[in-house]
Amino acid sequence: MTIFAGVGPVGVACAAAMSRSPSPRSAGILFAILPLAGAIGLGFRGQPVIGLVGGLALAAVLTTLFWLADRRR
């Protein structure tokens, strides 16, 4: 089966040609690292839950900033 640009088999959607704009940056790793780092860091001081919540909040802020920067590019 041959697929041409934008034309595919019946019932199959084909992706449009890729644009030349830069690919967006992925900031999802922040949601994995920062809460763990916060929980471990403040866990030594007896406050792991506060570290976890603080890490999540920081990850949300940084991810939003990454998203805003990618929108401008």
Protein backbone atom coordinates (compact mmCIF):
# COMPACT_ATOMS: atom_id res chain seq x y z
CA MET A 1 0.00 0.00 0.00
CA THR A 2 1.40 3.39 -0.99
CA ILE A 3 0.61 6.52 0.97
CA PHE A 4 1.10 9.89 -0.66
CA ALA A 5 1.36 13.21 1.15
CA GLY A 6 -1.97 13.75 2.92
CA VAL A 7 -3.68 10.83 1.15
CA GLY A 8 -4.09 7.50 2.87
CA PRO A 9 -6.33 4.48 2.93
CA VAL A 10 -10.01 5.04 3.58
CA GLY A 11 -10.69 5.79 7.25
CA VAL A 12 -7.05 6.50 8.11
CA ALA A 13 -6.03 10.04 8.94
CA CYS A 14 -2.65 11.13 7.64
CA ALA A 15 -0.55 13.72 9.37
CA ALA A 16 0.17 16.95 7.56
CA ALA A 17 3.70 17.71 6.47
CA MET A 18 5.90 18.72 9.38
CA SER A 19 6.44 22.42 9.80
CA ARG A 20 9.86 24.00 10.03
CA SER A 21 9.25 25.49 13.48
CA PRO A 22 11.49 24.22 16.27
CA SER A 23 10.15 21.31 18.27
CA PRO A 24 8.78 22.11 21.71
CA ARG A 25 10.91 21.38 24.74
CA SER A 26 9.77 18.70 27.11
CA ALA A 27 9.49 19.77 30.71
CA GLY A 28 7.72 16.68 32.02
CA ILE A 29 10.89 15.42 33.64
CA LEU A 30 10.53 18.27 36.12
CA PHE A 31 7.43 16.54 37.52
CA ALA A 32 9.51 13.44 38.16
CA ILE A 33 12.64 15.00 39.63
CA LEU A 34 11.56 18.04 41.63
CA PRO A 35 8.95 16.38 43.91
CA LEU A 36 11.39 13.58 44.71
CA ALA A 37 14.22 16.02 45.35
CA GLY A 38 11.96 18.11 47.58
CA ALA A 39 10.73 15.08 49.53
CA ILE A 40 14.25 13.76 50.03
CA GLY A 41 15.74 17.18 50.80
CA LEU A 42 13.16 18.17 53.38
CA GLY A 43 12.82 14.57 54.55
CA PHE A 44 16.13 14.99 56.30
CA ARG A 45 14.60 17.91 58.18
CA GLY A 46 11.45 15.96 59.08
CA GLN A 47 9.11 17.56 56.50
CA PRO A 48 8.94 15.26 53.45
CA VAL A 49 5.34 16.12 52.53
CA ILE A 50 6.08 19.84 52.42
CA GLY A 51 9.06 19.07 50.19
CA LEU A 52 6.88 16.98 47.89
CA VAL A 53 4.23 19.69 47.58
CA GLY A 54 6.88 22.38 47.13
CA GLY A 55 8.56 20.31 44.41
CA LEU A 56 5.25 19.87 42.61
CA ALA A 57 4.54 23.59 42.83
CA LEU A 58 7.98 24.47 41.50
CA ALA A 59 7.61 21.94 38.68
CA ALA A 60 4.24 23.45 37.73
CA VAL A 61 5.69 26.97 37.65
CA LEU A 62 8.74 25.96 35.59
CA THR A 63 6.65 23.88 33.18
CA THR A 64 4.34 26.86 32.64
CA LEU A 65 7.36 29.08 31.93
CA PHE A 66 8.71 26.51 29.44
CA TRP A 67 5.29 26.40 27.75
CA LEU A 68 5.07 30.20 27.52
CA ALA A 69 8.58 30.38 26.05
CA ASP A 70 7.73 27.69 23.48
CA ARG A 71 4.60 29.58 22.43
CA ARG A 72 6.74 32.60 21.50
CA ARG A 73 9.12 30.58 19.33
